[in-house]
């Protein structure tokens, strides 16, 4: 009503090119997103893990974690450094966390330094370390969000 355009929800980004005549809209090809991975509560990983997709950890990882979206469950644990777009910590992290957004839930704990754009610490969340806010924390992380090499 009143000339409002309907909201269009698309998974693929588009580019609109304005020329002297009519605007041209074309789709931008993007790589398919990797499937989400889960480390179950009964599992222990000895070594670093990397994914261009999402990782959910309910078990134990003794090594570094590099992914897009990281969720550590209430009983999950990471003993190593983390690089992610977004990290939600409900369990325990012993190591440094670098992410654009870090959410430390009330049940979570982090013992290490944080580098972030956005930091949210819920009541009850435990943090022991230094916090550094930067505009783009992943700018210097060349390995961040890359697909694993074989």
N, C-alpha and C. Protein backbone atom coordinates (compact mmCIF):
# COMPACT_ATOMS: atom_id res chain seq x y z
N UNK A 1 0.83 -1.17 0.00
CA UNK A 1 0.00 0.00 0.00
C UNK A 1 0.88 1.23 0.00
N UNK A 2 0.43 2.30 -0.61
CA UNK A 2 1.13 3.56 -0.68
C UNK A 2 2.49 3.43 -1.35
N UNK A 3 2.58 2.54 -2.29
CA UNK A 3 3.78 2.44 -3.09
C UNK A 3 4.92 1.65 -2.46
N UNK A 4 4.65 0.96 -1.35
CA UNK A 4 5.69 0.14 -0.74
C UNK A 4 5.98 -1.05 -1.62
N UNK A 5 7.24 -1.37 -1.74
CA UNK A 5 7.62 -2.55 -2.49
C UNK A 5 7.68 -3.73 -1.54
N UNK A 6 7.26 -4.91 -1.99
CA UNK A 6 7.33 -6.08 -1.10
C UNK A 6 8.78 -6.44 -0.82
N UNK A 7 9.01 -6.97 0.37
CA UNK A 7 10.35 -7.41 0.74
C UNK A 7 10.69 -8.67 -0.05
N UNK A 8 11.88 -8.70 -0.58
CA UNK A 8 12.33 -9.86 -1.34
C UNK A 8 13.46 -10.49 -0.55
N UNK A 9 13.32 -11.77 -0.24
CA UNK A 9 14.34 -12.49 0.49
C UNK A 9 15.04 -13.43 -0.47
N UNK A 10 16.31 -13.21 -0.67
CA UNK A 10 17.08 -14.04 -1.57
C UNK A 10 18.34 -14.50 -0.87
N UNK A 11 18.79 -15.71 -1.23
CA UNK A 11 20.02 -16.22 -0.68
C UNK A 11 21.23 -15.69 -1.43
N UNK A 12 21.06 -15.37 -2.70
CA UNK A 12 22.16 -14.92 -3.52
C UNK A 12 22.19 -13.41 -3.58
N UNK A 13 23.36 -12.79 -3.48
CA UNK A 13 23.45 -11.35 -3.61
C UNK A 13 23.25 -10.93 -5.07
N UNK A 14 22.79 -9.70 -5.26
CA UNK A 14 22.63 -9.18 -6.61
C UNK A 14 23.39 -7.87 -6.73
N UNK A 15 23.75 -7.55 -7.95
CA UNK A 15 24.42 -6.29 -8.23
C UNK A 15 23.55 -5.53 -9.21
N UNK A 16 23.32 -4.27 -8.93
CA UNK A 16 22.55 -3.43 -9.83
C UNK A 16 23.54 -2.44 -10.44
N UNK A 17 23.62 -2.45 -11.76
CA UNK A 17 24.51 -1.55 -12.46
C UNK A 17 23.68 -0.43 -13.08
N UNK A 18 24.00 0.79 -12.74
CA UNK A 18 23.29 1.92 -13.32
C UNK A 18 24.09 2.44 -14.50
N UNK A 19 23.46 2.47 -15.64
CA UNK A 19 24.07 3.03 -16.83
C UNK A 19 23.26 4.25 -17.22
N UNK A 20 23.60 4.82 -18.36
CA UNK A 20 22.87 6.00 -18.80
C UNK A 20 21.46 5.65 -19.27
N UNK A 21 21.23 4.38 -19.54
CA UNK A 21 19.88 4.00 -19.97
C UNK A 21 19.16 3.34 -18.79
N UNK A 22 18.89 2.06 -18.87
CA UNK A 22 18.16 1.33 -17.84
C UNK A 22 19.13 0.60 -16.91
N UNK A 23 18.79 0.45 -15.61
CA UNK A 23 19.65 -0.34 -14.72
C UNK A 23 19.61 -1.81 -15.11
N UNK A 24 20.73 -2.47 -14.94
CA UNK A 24 20.86 -3.89 -15.27
C UNK A 24 21.08 -4.64 -13.97
N UNK A 25 20.27 -5.67 -13.74
CA UNK A 25 20.39 -6.48 -12.53
C UNK A 25 20.93 -7.84 -12.94
N UNK A 26 22.01 -8.28 -12.26
CA UNK A 26 22.55 -9.60 -12.56
C UNK A 26 22.87 -10.30 -11.25
N UNK A 27 22.76 -11.61 -11.26
CA UNK A 27 23.06 -12.43 -10.09
C UNK A 27 24.57 -12.58 -9.93
N UNK A 28 25.02 -12.62 -8.70
CA UNK A 28 26.42 -12.84 -8.41
C UNK A 28 26.57 -14.29 -7.97
N UNK A 29 27.43 -15.01 -8.65
CA UNK A 29 27.65 -16.42 -8.29
C UNK A 29 28.45 -16.48 -7.00
N UNK A 30 28.02 -17.33 -6.10
CA UNK A 30 28.76 -17.52 -4.85
C UNK A 30 28.95 -19.01 -4.63
N UNK A 31 30.02 -19.32 -3.92
CA UNK A 31 30.31 -20.72 -3.65
C UNK A 31 29.27 -21.28 -2.70
N UNK A 32 28.90 -22.53 -2.88
CA UNK A 32 27.92 -23.12 -1.96
C UNK A 32 28.49 -23.19 -0.56
N UNK A 33 27.64 -22.95 0.42
CA UNK A 33 28.07 -22.98 1.80
C UNK A 33 28.26 -24.42 2.26
N UNK A 34 29.34 -24.65 2.99
CA UNK A 34 29.60 -26.00 3.50
C UNK A 34 28.56 -26.38 4.53
N UNK A 35 28.30 -27.67 4.64
CA UNK A 35 27.34 -28.17 5.62
C UNK A 35 27.87 -27.94 7.04
N UNK A 36 26.96 -27.80 7.98
CA UNK A 36 27.35 -27.63 9.38
C UNK A 36 27.94 -28.93 9.92
N UNK A 37 28.92 -28.80 10.80
CA UNK A 37 29.57 -29.96 11.42
C UNK A 37 29.32 -29.93 12.91
N UNK A 38 29.16 -31.12 13.51
CA UNK A 38 28.91 -31.23 14.94
C UNK A 38 29.92 -32.16 15.58
N UNK A 39 30.52 -31.70 16.66
CA UNK A 39 31.39 -32.53 17.49
C UNK A 39 30.52 -32.96 18.66
N UNK A 40 30.13 -34.22 18.70
CA UNK A 40 29.19 -34.73 19.69
C UNK A 40 29.81 -34.75 21.09
N UNK A 41 28.95 -34.86 22.10
CA UNK A 41 29.37 -34.81 23.50
C UNK A 41 30.35 -35.93 23.86
N UNK A 42 30.29 -37.05 23.19
CA UNK A 42 31.16 -38.18 23.52
C UNK A 42 32.48 -38.15 22.74
N UNK A 43 32.70 -37.11 21.95
CA UNK A 43 33.85 -37.07 21.06
C UNK A 43 34.94 -36.12 21.56
N UNK A 44 36.21 -36.55 21.39
CA UNK A 44 37.36 -35.70 21.67
C UNK A 44 38.20 -35.62 20.41
N UNK A 45 38.50 -34.41 19.98
CA UNK A 45 39.34 -34.18 18.80
C UNK A 45 40.71 -33.74 19.30
N UNK A 46 41.75 -34.43 18.84
CA UNK A 46 43.13 -34.06 19.16
C UNK A 46 43.72 -33.47 17.89
N UNK A 47 43.73 -32.15 17.77
CA UNK A 47 44.23 -31.48 16.58
C UNK A 47 43.30 -30.36 16.17
N UNK A 48 43.77 -29.54 15.28
CA UNK A 48 43.01 -28.38 14.84
C UNK A 48 41.94 -28.77 13.82
N UNK A 49 40.85 -28.01 13.79
CA UNK A 49 39.79 -28.25 12.81
C UNK A 49 39.49 -26.94 12.09
N UNK A 50 39.10 -27.07 10.82
CA UNK A 50 38.82 -25.91 10.00
C UNK A 50 37.67 -26.24 9.06
N UNK A 51 36.77 -25.28 8.89
CA UNK A 51 35.63 -25.47 7.99
C UNK A 51 35.21 -24.12 7.46
N UNK A 52 34.77 -24.08 6.21
CA UNK A 52 34.22 -22.84 5.67
C UNK A 52 32.76 -22.68 6.10
N UNK A 53 32.21 -23.70 6.76
CA UNK A 53 30.83 -23.66 7.24
C UNK A 53 30.77 -23.46 8.74
N UNK A 54 29.68 -23.92 9.32
CA UNK A 54 29.42 -23.76 10.74
C UNK A 54 29.89 -24.99 11.50
N UNK A 55 30.32 -24.78 12.76
CA UNK A 55 30.74 -25.88 13.62
C UNK A 55 30.04 -25.73 14.96
N UNK A 56 29.49 -26.84 15.45
CA UNK A 56 28.88 -26.90 16.77
C UNK A 56 29.68 -27.91 17.59
N UNK A 57 30.14 -27.48 18.76
CA UNK A 57 30.98 -28.35 19.60
C UNK A 57 30.29 -28.62 20.92
N UNK A 58 29.98 -29.90 21.15
CA UNK A 58 29.45 -30.34 22.43
C UNK A 58 30.44 -31.25 23.13
N UNK A 59 31.49 -31.64 22.42
CA UNK A 59 32.54 -32.48 22.97
C UNK A 59 33.76 -31.64 23.31
N UNK A 60 34.95 -32.23 23.12
CA UNK A 60 36.20 -31.57 23.49
C UNK A 60 37.08 -31.46 22.24
N UNK A 61 37.64 -30.27 22.01
CA UNK A 61 38.60 -30.06 20.93
C UNK A 61 39.89 -29.56 21.57
N UNK A 62 40.97 -30.34 21.41
CA UNK A 62 42.29 -29.92 21.87
C UNK A 62 43.08 -29.48 20.64
N UNK A 63 42.84 -28.25 20.22
CA UNK A 63 43.47 -27.69 19.04
C UNK A 63 42.71 -26.44 18.62
N UNK A 64 43.21 -25.79 17.59
CA UNK A 64 42.60 -24.56 17.10
C UNK A 64 41.35 -24.86 16.29
N UNK A 65 40.42 -23.88 16.27
CA UNK A 65 39.18 -24.01 15.51
C UNK A 65 39.06 -22.78 14.60
N UNK A 66 38.77 -23.03 13.31
CA UNK A 66 38.64 -21.98 12.32
C UNK A 66 37.37 -22.26 11.53
N UNK A 67 36.37 -21.36 11.61
CA UNK A 67 35.12 -21.61 10.90
C UNK A 67 34.34 -20.32 10.73
N UNK A 68 33.16 -20.43 10.14
CA UNK A 68 32.31 -19.27 9.94
C UNK A 68 31.51 -18.95 11.21
N UNK A 69 30.66 -19.87 11.62
CA UNK A 69 29.85 -19.69 12.83
C UNK A 69 30.20 -20.81 13.79
N UNK A 70 30.66 -20.46 14.97
CA UNK A 70 31.03 -21.45 15.98
C UNK A 70 30.07 -21.36 17.15
N UNK A 71 29.56 -22.53 17.55
CA UNK A 71 28.72 -22.62 18.74
C UNK A 71 29.32 -23.69 19.64
N UNK A 72 29.68 -23.29 20.85
CA UNK A 72 30.18 -24.25 21.84
C UNK A 72 29.06 -24.45 22.85
N UNK A 73 28.58 -25.69 22.95
CA UNK A 73 27.47 -26.02 23.85
C UNK A 73 27.87 -25.97 25.31
N UNK A 74 26.89 -26.14 26.19
CA UNK A 74 27.10 -26.04 27.64
C UNK A 74 28.21 -26.96 28.14
N UNK A 75 28.35 -28.14 27.55
CA UNK A 75 29.36 -29.10 28.00
C UNK A 75 30.53 -29.19 27.04
N UNK A 76 30.56 -28.33 26.01
CA UNK A 76 31.65 -28.32 25.05
C UNK A 76 32.86 -27.59 25.58
N UNK A 77 34.03 -27.93 25.01
CA UNK A 77 35.28 -27.34 25.47
C UNK A 77 36.26 -27.23 24.31
N UNK A 78 36.95 -26.10 24.23
CA UNK A 78 38.02 -25.91 23.25
C UNK A 78 39.26 -25.47 23.99
N UNK A 79 40.33 -26.23 23.81
CA UNK A 79 41.64 -25.88 24.36
C UNK A 79 42.52 -25.49 23.19
N UNK A 80 42.39 -24.27 22.74
CA UNK A 80 43.12 -23.76 21.59
C UNK A 80 42.54 -22.43 21.17
N UNK A 81 43.09 -21.86 20.12
CA UNK A 81 42.65 -20.56 19.63
C UNK A 81 41.49 -20.73 18.66
N UNK A 82 40.63 -19.70 18.60
CA UNK A 82 39.44 -19.72 17.76
C UNK A 82 39.46 -18.53 16.83
N UNK A 83 39.15 -18.80 15.55
CA UNK A 83 38.93 -17.74 14.56
C UNK A 83 37.58 -18.04 13.91
N UNK A 84 36.66 -17.07 13.98
CA UNK A 84 35.32 -17.27 13.43
C UNK A 84 34.68 -15.93 13.12
N UNK A 85 33.68 -15.96 12.24
CA UNK A 85 32.87 -14.76 12.01
C UNK A 85 32.10 -14.44 13.30
N UNK A 86 31.41 -15.45 13.82
CA UNK A 86 30.62 -15.32 15.03
C UNK A 86 30.91 -16.50 15.94
N UNK A 87 31.17 -16.23 17.21
CA UNK A 87 31.44 -17.29 18.19
C UNK A 87 30.46 -17.14 19.35
N UNK A 88 29.69 -18.21 19.59
CA UNK A 88 28.79 -18.26 20.73
C UNK A 88 29.35 -19.29 21.70
N UNK A 89 29.72 -18.83 22.90
CA UNK A 89 30.39 -19.69 23.87
C UNK A 89 29.45 -19.94 25.05
N UNK A 90 28.99 -21.19 25.16
CA UNK A 90 28.18 -21.60 26.31
C UNK A 90 28.97 -22.55 27.20
N UNK A 91 30.06 -23.09 26.68
CA UNK A 91 30.92 -24.02 27.42
C UNK A 91 32.21 -23.32 27.82
N UNK A 92 33.34 -24.03 27.65
CA UNK A 92 34.62 -23.51 28.13
C UNK A 92 35.62 -23.35 26.98
N UNK A 93 36.33 -22.23 26.98
CA UNK A 93 37.40 -21.98 26.03
C UNK A 93 38.65 -21.59 26.81
N UNK A 94 39.75 -22.29 26.52
CA UNK A 94 41.05 -21.91 27.06
C UNK A 94 41.91 -21.59 25.85
N UNK A 95 42.01 -20.32 25.54
CA UNK A 95 42.74 -19.86 24.36
C UNK A 95 42.17 -18.54 23.89
N UNK A 96 42.80 -17.97 22.88
CA UNK A 96 42.38 -16.68 22.34
C UNK A 96 41.23 -16.85 21.36
N UNK A 97 40.33 -15.86 21.34
CA UNK A 97 39.18 -15.89 20.43
C UNK A 97 39.22 -14.63 19.58
N UNK A 98 39.21 -14.82 18.25
CA UNK A 98 39.15 -13.72 17.30
C UNK A 98 37.89 -13.92 16.47
N UNK A 99 36.97 -12.95 16.56
CA UNK A 99 35.71 -13.05 15.83
C UNK A 99 35.10 -11.66 15.69
N UNK A 100 34.28 -11.50 14.68
CA UNK A 100 33.59 -10.21 14.55
C UNK A 100 32.60 -10.03 15.70
N UNK A 101 31.89 -11.11 16.05
CA UNK A 101 30.94 -11.06 17.16
C UNK A 101 31.23 -12.22 18.10
N UNK A 102 31.38 -11.90 19.38
CA UNK A 102 31.58 -12.92 20.40
C UNK A 102 30.45 -12.78 21.41
N UNK A 103 29.74 -13.90 21.64
CA UNK A 103 28.70 -13.94 22.67
C UNK A 103 29.14 -14.94 23.72
N UNK A 104 29.39 -14.45 24.92
CA UNK A 104 29.73 -15.31 26.05
C UNK A 104 28.47 -15.46 26.89
N UNK A 105 27.88 -16.64 26.84
CA UNK A 105 26.63 -16.90 27.56
C UNK A 105 26.89 -17.00 29.07
N UNK A 106 25.83 -16.99 29.84
CA UNK A 106 25.93 -17.06 31.29
C UNK A 106 26.57 -18.35 31.78
N UNK A 107 26.49 -19.40 31.00
CA UNK A 107 27.09 -20.69 31.39
C UNK A 107 28.51 -20.86 30.86
N UNK A 108 29.00 -19.89 30.09
CA UNK A 108 30.29 -20.03 29.42
C UNK A 108 31.45 -19.40 30.17
N UNK A 109 32.66 -19.84 29.77
CA UNK A 109 33.87 -19.24 30.33
C UNK A 109 34.95 -19.17 29.26
N UNK A 110 35.70 -18.09 29.28
CA UNK A 110 36.82 -17.90 28.38
C UNK A 110 38.02 -17.47 29.21
N UNK A 111 39.10 -18.23 29.05
CA UNK A 111 40.39 -17.86 29.65
C UNK A 111 41.35 -17.62 28.50
N UNK A 112 41.45 -16.36 28.10
CA UNK A 112 42.30 -15.98 26.98
C UNK A 112 41.90 -14.60 26.49
N UNK A 113 42.63 -14.12 25.51
CA UNK A 113 42.40 -12.78 24.98
C UNK A 113 41.35 -12.81 23.88
N UNK A 114 40.58 -11.72 23.79
CA UNK A 114 39.53 -11.58 22.80
C UNK A 114 39.84 -10.44 21.85
N UNK A 115 39.64 -10.66 20.56
CA UNK A 115 39.72 -9.61 19.55
C UNK A 115 38.40 -9.65 18.80
N UNK A 116 37.69 -8.52 18.75
CA UNK A 116 36.30 -8.52 18.28
C UNK A 116 35.86 -7.16 17.82
N UNK A 117 34.73 -7.12 17.11
CA UNK A 117 34.01 -5.87 16.83
C UNK A 117 32.90 -5.70 17.84
N UNK A 118 32.21 -6.82 18.13
CA UNK A 118 31.09 -6.81 19.07
C UNK A 118 31.34 -7.87 20.13
N UNK A 119 31.22 -7.49 21.39
CA UNK A 119 31.37 -8.43 22.51
C UNK A 119 30.15 -8.33 23.39
N UNK A 120 29.52 -9.50 23.64
CA UNK A 120 28.35 -9.57 24.51
C UNK A 120 28.66 -10.59 25.59
N UNK A 121 28.59 -10.16 26.84
CA UNK A 121 28.80 -11.07 27.97
C UNK A 121 27.54 -11.06 28.81
N UNK A 122 26.89 -12.22 28.85
CA UNK A 122 25.68 -12.34 29.66
C UNK A 122 26.06 -12.46 31.14
N UNK A 123 25.10 -12.14 32.00
CA UNK A 123 25.31 -12.26 33.43
C UNK A 123 25.67 -13.71 33.77
N UNK A 124 26.73 -13.89 34.52
CA UNK A 124 27.19 -15.22 34.90
C UNK A 124 28.33 -15.73 34.03
N UNK A 125 28.55 -15.11 32.87
CA UNK A 125 29.65 -15.51 32.00
C UNK A 125 30.99 -15.16 32.64
N UNK A 126 31.97 -16.07 32.52
CA UNK A 126 33.28 -15.87 33.14
C UNK A 126 34.30 -15.55 32.05
N UNK A 127 35.03 -14.45 32.23
CA UNK A 127 36.06 -14.04 31.28
C UNK A 127 37.29 -13.62 32.04
N UNK A 128 38.44 -14.24 31.71
CA UNK A 128 39.72 -13.89 32.31
C UNK A 128 40.71 -13.69 31.18
N UNK A 129 41.02 -12.45 30.88
CA UNK A 129 41.94 -12.14 29.79
C UNK A 129 41.80 -10.69 29.40
N UNK A 130 42.30 -10.37 28.21
CA UNK A 130 42.23 -9.01 27.70
C UNK A 130 41.24 -8.97 26.54
N UNK A 131 40.57 -7.84 26.39
CA UNK A 131 39.61 -7.64 25.32
C UNK A 131 40.08 -6.48 24.46
N UNK A 132 40.12 -6.70 23.14
CA UNK A 132 40.53 -5.65 22.22
C UNK A 132 39.47 -5.50 21.14
N UNK A 133 38.89 -4.31 21.06
CA UNK A 133 37.86 -4.04 20.05
C UNK A 133 38.53 -3.40 18.84
N UNK A 134 38.30 -3.98 17.67
CA UNK A 134 38.83 -3.43 16.42
C UNK A 134 37.71 -3.44 15.38
N UNK A 135 37.87 -2.61 14.36
CA UNK A 135 36.83 -2.51 13.33
C UNK A 135 36.64 -3.82 12.58
N UNK A 136 37.73 -4.46 12.16
CA UNK A 136 37.63 -5.73 11.44
C UNK A 136 38.66 -6.69 12.01
N UNK A 137 38.27 -7.48 12.99
CA UNK A 137 39.23 -8.37 13.66
C UNK A 137 39.76 -9.48 12.76
N UNK A 138 39.08 -9.78 11.67
CA UNK A 138 39.52 -10.86 10.79
C UNK A 138 40.39 -10.36 9.64
N UNK A 139 40.65 -9.07 9.57
CA UNK A 139 41.42 -8.51 8.46
C UNK A 139 42.82 -9.10 8.37
N UNK A 140 43.46 -9.34 9.51
CA UNK A 140 44.82 -9.86 9.52
C UNK A 140 44.89 -11.37 9.60
N UNK A 141 43.76 -12.02 9.67
CA UNK A 141 43.71 -13.48 9.79
C UNK A 141 43.58 -14.07 8.40
N UNK A 142 44.70 -14.43 7.78
CA UNK A 142 44.68 -14.93 6.41
C UNK A 142 44.01 -16.29 6.32
N UNK A 143 44.04 -17.07 7.38
CA UNK A 143 43.43 -18.40 7.37
C UNK A 143 41.95 -18.35 7.67
N UNK A 144 41.45 -17.22 8.14
CA UNK A 144 40.05 -17.15 8.58
C UNK A 144 39.09 -17.46 7.46
N UNK A 145 38.18 -18.34 7.73
CA UNK A 145 37.05 -18.65 6.86
C UNK A 145 37.44 -19.23 5.50
N UNK A 146 38.59 -19.83 5.38
CA UNK A 146 38.98 -20.47 4.14
C UNK A 146 38.64 -21.95 4.24
N UNK A 147 38.39 -22.54 3.11
CA UNK A 147 38.13 -23.98 3.08
C UNK A 147 39.41 -24.72 3.46
N UNK A 148 39.28 -25.85 4.12
CA UNK A 148 40.47 -26.61 4.49
C UNK A 148 41.23 -27.08 3.25
N UNK A 149 42.55 -27.11 3.36
CA UNK A 149 43.37 -27.59 2.26
C UNK A 149 43.61 -29.08 2.42
N UNK A 150 43.72 -29.76 1.29
CA UNK A 150 43.92 -31.21 1.35
C UNK A 150 45.30 -31.56 0.91
